[in-house]
Amino acid sequence: MIDLLFRGRTLVFESSLSREEVTKRLQREIAPATSQWYENRPQLFEGTLSDGRFRMVRLVRGRNSFRPVVEGELVATPRGVRIDARLTLHPVVVGLCAILFALGGLVAMVAVSEFLSTREASPQLFVMIWMAC
């Protein structure tokens, strides 16, 4: 899971379907991106598909969802098609994770330094342990 924060995860799929058939099926499941509060579209993804390349995000009908971005391309092979895909996180999500990690590190530094100087458990130490769990 941590690989999504940095370079992303690479996946390769082989299919016996033709490139045209895979393109047709992807077009059926990828809706154009819109900014609606309530999702009721029948498609499973939103994004773009053109010239054998796609970029899509899962449509989620709920809150607090984890939505990696799926980018890839369709490559025709003698026996069908190969789908090269890469899963990455949105840059805003990576930024928020970095901020939360920095705040956790700051709390840990304060708690450890206070514990080392007083040899007593402080509330910050309990917060640090709670955050680690």
C-alpha atoms as a PDB file:
ATOM      1  CA  MET A   1       0.000   0.000   0.000  1.00  0.00           C
ATOM      2  CA  ILE A   2       2.875   2.385   0.734  1.00  0.00           C
ATOM      3  CA  ASP A   3       4.025   2.151  -2.894  1.00  0.00           C
ATOM      4  CA  LEU A   4       0.937   4.172  -3.908  1.00  0.00           C
ATOM      5  CA  LEU A   5       2.325   7.169  -1.988  1.00  0.00           C
ATOM      6  CA  PHE A   6       5.500   7.305  -4.040  1.00  0.00           C
ATOM      7  CA  ARG A   7       5.692   5.944  -7.580  1.00  0.00           C
ATOM      8  CA  GLY A   8       2.461   4.015  -7.743  1.00  0.00           C
ATOM      9  CA  ARG A   9       1.723   0.353  -8.350  1.00  0.00           C
ATOM     10  CA  THR A  10       2.121  -1.133 -11.827  1.00  0.00           C
ATOM     11  CA  LEU A  11      -0.238  -3.868 -13.007  1.00  0.00           C
ATOM     12  CA  VAL A  12      -0.214  -5.808 -16.282  1.00  0.00           C
ATOM     13  CA  PHE A  13      -3.197  -7.809 -17.534  1.00  0.00           C
ATOM     14  CA  GLU A  14      -3.358 -10.119 -20.550  1.00  0.00           C
ATOM     15  CA  SER A  15      -6.692 -10.744 -22.271  1.00  0.00           C
ATOM     16  CA  SER A  16      -7.750 -12.832 -25.240  1.00  0.00           C
ATOM     17  CA  LEU A  17     -10.244 -10.135 -26.248  1.00  0.00           C
ATOM     18  CA  SER A  18      -9.395  -7.834 -29.138  1.00  0.00           C
ATOM     19  CA  ARG A  19      -8.299  -4.260 -28.530  1.00  0.00           C
ATOM     20  CA  GLU A  20     -11.547  -2.976 -30.038  1.00  0.00           C
ATOM     21  CA  GLU A  21     -13.654  -5.128 -27.704  1.00  0.00           C
ATOM     22  CA  VAL A  22     -11.717  -4.001 -24.622  1.00  0.00           C
ATOM     23  CA  THR A  23     -12.023  -0.369 -25.768  1.00  0.00           C
ATOM     24  CA  LYS A  24     -15.775  -0.786 -26.238  1.00  0.00           C
ATOM     25  CA  ARG A  25     -16.176  -2.313 -22.768  1.00  0.00           C
ATOM     26  CA  LEU A  26     -14.091   0.415 -21.143  1.00  0.00           C
ATOM     27  CA  GLN A  27     -16.090   3.130 -22.925  1.00  0.00           C
ATOM     28  CA  ARG A  28     -19.262   1.606 -21.511  1.00  0.00           C
ATOM     29  CA  GLU A  29     -17.895   1.793 -17.916  1.00  0.00           C
ATOM     30  CA  ILE A  30     -16.086   5.172 -17.996  1.00  0.00           C
ATOM     31  CA  ALA A  31     -18.302   8.242 -17.585  1.00  0.00           C
ATOM     32  CA  PRO A  32     -17.097  11.783 -18.290  1.00  0.00           C
ATOM     33  CA  ALA A  33     -15.944  13.669 -15.207  1.00  0.00           C
ATOM     34  CA  THR A  34     -18.527  15.959 -13.614  1.00  0.00           C
ATOM     35  CA  SER A  35     -18.797  17.682 -10.267  1.00  0.00           C
ATOM     36  CA  GLN A  36     -21.965  16.317  -8.725  1.00  0.00           C
ATOM     37  CA  TRP A  37     -22.583  15.872  -5.029  1.00  0.00           C
ATOM     38  CA  TYR A  38     -24.744  12.816  -5.471  1.00  0.00           C
ATOM     39  CA  GLU A  39     -23.653  10.085  -7.882  1.00  0.00           C
ATOM     40  CA  ASN A  40     -26.364   8.077  -9.580  1.00  0.00           C
ATOM     41  CA  ARG A  41     -24.661   7.224 -12.863  1.00  0.00           C
ATOM     42  CA  PRO A  42     -24.668   3.568 -13.921  1.00  0.00           C
ATOM     43  CA  GLN A  43     -20.972   3.590 -14.859  1.00  0.00           C
ATOM     44  CA  LEU A  44     -18.327   2.339 -12.439  1.00  0.00           C
ATOM     45  CA  PHE A  45     -15.594   4.877 -13.290  1.00  0.00           C
ATOM     46  CA  GLU A  46     -15.181   8.474 -14.384  1.00  0.00           C
ATOM     47  CA  GLY A  47     -12.356   9.652 -16.581  1.00  0.00           C
ATOM     48  CA  THR A  48     -11.140   9.628 -20.158  1.00  0.00           C
ATOM     49  CA  LEU A  49     -10.349   7.039 -22.813  1.00  0.00           C
ATOM     50  CA  SER A  50      -8.757   7.937 -26.131  1.00  0.00           C
ATOM     51  CA  ASP A  51      -6.248   6.382 -28.546  1.00  0.00           C
ATOM     52  CA  GLY A  52      -5.821   3.285 -26.395  1.00  0.00           C
ATOM     53  CA  ARG A  53      -4.883   5.295 -23.281  1.00  0.00           C
ATOM     54  CA  PHE A  54      -7.124   5.754 -20.262  1.00  0.00           C
ATOM     55  CA  ARG A  55      -7.196   7.678 -17.000  1.00  0.00           C
ATOM     56  CA  MET A  56      -9.992   6.885 -14.588  1.00  0.00           C
ATOM     57  CA  VAL A  57     -11.132   7.068 -10.977  1.00  0.00           C
ATOM     58  CA  ARG A  58     -13.684   4.780  -9.347  1.00  0.00           C
ATOM     59  CA  LEU A  59     -17.105   6.329  -8.769  1.00  0.00           C
ATOM     60  CA  VAL A  60     -17.918   5.870  -5.101  1.00  0.00           C
ATOM     61  CA  ARG A  61     -21.332   6.518  -3.653  1.00  0.00           C
ATOM     62  CA  GLY A  62     -20.207   7.199  -0.105  1.00  0.00           C
ATOM     63  CA  ARG A  63     -17.978   9.249   2.136  1.00  0.00           C
ATOM     64  CA  ASN A  64     -14.318   8.932   3.096  1.00  0.00           C
ATOM     65  CA  SER A  65     -13.471   6.803   0.102  1.00  0.00           C
ATOM     66  CA  PHE A  66     -10.016   5.719  -1.001  1.00  0.00           C
ATOM     67  CA  ARG A  67      -9.886   6.419  -4.731  1.00  0.00           C
ATOM     68  CA  PRO A  68      -6.628   5.722  -6.534  1.00  0.00           C
ATOM     69  CA  VAL A  69      -6.166   7.076 -10.046  1.00  0.00           C
ATOM     70  CA  VAL A  70      -5.801   4.335 -12.673  1.00  0.00           C
ATOM     71  CA  GLU A  71      -3.781   5.301 -15.746  1.00  0.00           C
ATOM     72  CA  GLY A  72      -2.834   2.938 -18.512  1.00  0.00           C
ATOM     73  CA  GLU A  73      -2.823   1.903 -22.099  1.00  0.00           C
ATOM     74  CA  LEU A  74      -4.074  -0.929 -24.265  1.00  0.00           C
ATOM     75  CA  VAL A  75      -1.395  -2.716 -26.305  1.00  0.00           C
ATOM     76  CA  ALA A  76      -2.434  -5.109 -29.070  1.00  0.00           C
ATOM     77  CA  THR A  77      -0.687  -8.506 -28.979  1.00  0.00           C
ATOM     78  CA  PRO A  78      -0.927 -11.483 -31.365  1.00  0.00           C
ATOM     79  CA  ARG A  79      -3.198 -13.310 -28.884  1.00  0.00           C
ATOM     80  CA  GLY A  80      -5.372 -10.372 -27.806  1.00  0.00           C
ATOM     81  CA  VAL A  81      -4.521  -7.301 -25.770  1.00  0.00           C
ATOM     82  CA  ARG A  82      -2.223  -6.402 -22.906  1.00  0.00           C
ATOM     83  CA  ILE A  83      -3.388  -3.756 -20.434  1.00  0.00           C
ATOM     84  CA  ASP A  84      -0.571  -1.847 -18.740  1.00  0.00           C
ATOM     85  CA  ALA A  85      -2.030   0.045 -15.775  1.00  0.00           C
ATOM     86  CA  ARG A  86      -0.566   2.186 -13.006  1.00  0.00           C
ATOM     87  CA  LEU A  87      -2.359   2.990  -9.738  1.00  0.00           C
ATOM     88  CA  THR A  88      -1.372   6.257  -8.076  1.00  0.00           C
ATOM     89  CA  LEU A  89      -2.813   8.581  -5.484  1.00  0.00           C
ATOM     90  CA  HIS A  90      -3.971  12.083  -6.273  1.00  0.00           C
ATOM     91  CA  PRO A  91      -1.316  14.692  -5.371  1.00  0.00           C
ATOM     92  CA  VAL A  92      -3.688  16.303  -2.849  1.00  0.00           C
ATOM     93  CA  VAL A  93      -3.995  12.970  -1.014  1.00  0.00           C
ATOM     94  CA  VAL A  94      -0.207  12.579  -0.966  1.00  0.00           C
ATOM     95  CA  GLY A  95       0.092  16.116   0.447  1.00  0.00           C
ATOM     96  CA  LEU A  96      -2.444  15.429   3.188  1.00  0.00           C
ATOM     97  CA  CYS A  97      -0.633  12.203   4.112  1.00  0.00           C
ATOM     98  CA  ALA A  98       2.639  14.133   4.357  1.00  0.00           C
ATOM     99  CA  ILE A  99       1.033  16.736   6.634  1.00  0.00           C
ATOM    100  CA  LEU A 100      -0.435  14.057   8.905  1.00  0.00           C
ATOM    101  CA  PHE A 101       2.903  12.241   9.023  1.00  0.00           C
ATOM    102  CA  ALA A 102       4.714  15.487   9.922  1.00  0.00           C
ATOM    103  CA  LEU A 103       2.208  16.240  12.695  1.00  0.00           C
ATOM    104  CA  GLY A 104       2.592  12.725  14.078  1.00  0.00           C
ATOM    105  CA  GLY A 105       6.370  13.106  14.025  1.00  0.00           C
ATOM    106  CA  LEU A 106       6.117  16.427  15.847  1.00  0.00           C
ATOM    107  CA  VAL A 107       3.921  14.946  18.564  1.00  0.00           C
ATOM    108  CA  ALA A 108       6.332  12.011  18.871  1.00  0.00           C
ATOM    109  CA  MET A 109       9.341  14.327  19.231  1.00  0.00           C
ATOM    110  CA  VAL A 110       7.648  16.363  21.964  1.00  0.00           C
ATOM    111  CA  ALA A 111       6.471  13.268  23.828  1.00  0.00           C
ATOM    112  CA  VAL A 112       9.819  11.487  23.692  1.00  0.00           C
ATOM    113  CA  SER A 113      11.826  14.570  24.688  1.00  0.00           C
ATOM    114  CA  GLU A 114       9.501  15.244  27.615  1.00  0.00           C
ATOM    115  CA  PHE A 115       9.612  11.613  28.688  1.00  0.00           C
ATOM    116  CA  LEU A 116      13.421  11.572  28.558  1.00  0.00           C
ATOM    117  CA  SER A 117      13.716  14.751  30.644  1.00  0.00           C
ATOM    118  CA  THR A 118      11.081  13.973  33.302  1.00  0.00           C
ATOM    119  CA  ARG A 119      10.853  10.148  33.194  1.00  0.00           C
ATOM    120  CA  GLU A 120       7.069  10.536  33.609  1.00  0.00           C
ATOM    121  CA  ALA A 121       4.382   9.621  31.125  1.00  0.00           C
ATOM    122  CA  SER A 122       2.793  12.763  29.702  1.00  0.00           C
ATOM    123  CA  PRO A 123      -0.486  13.162  27.785  1.00  0.00           C
ATOM    124  CA  GLN A 124       1.536  13.643  24.580  1.00  0.00           C
ATOM    125  CA  LEU A 125       3.076  10.209  25.089  1.00  0.00           C
ATOM    126  CA  PHE A 126      -0.374   8.656  25.303  1.00  0.00           C
ATOM    127  CA  VAL A 127      -1.428  10.559  22.162  1.00  0.00           C
ATOM    128  CA  MET A 128       1.653   9.267  20.349  1.00  0.00           C
ATOM    129  CA  ILE A 129       0.891   5.670  21.393  1.00  0.00           C
ATOM    130  CA  TRP A 130      -2.761   6.115  20.403  1.00  0.00           C
ATOM    131  CA  MET A 131      -1.725   7.450  16.968  1.00  0.00           C
ATOM    132  CA  ALA A 132       0.628   4.505  16.447  1.00  0.00           C
ATOM    133  CA  CYS A 133      -2.138   1.960  17.063  1.00  0.00           C
END
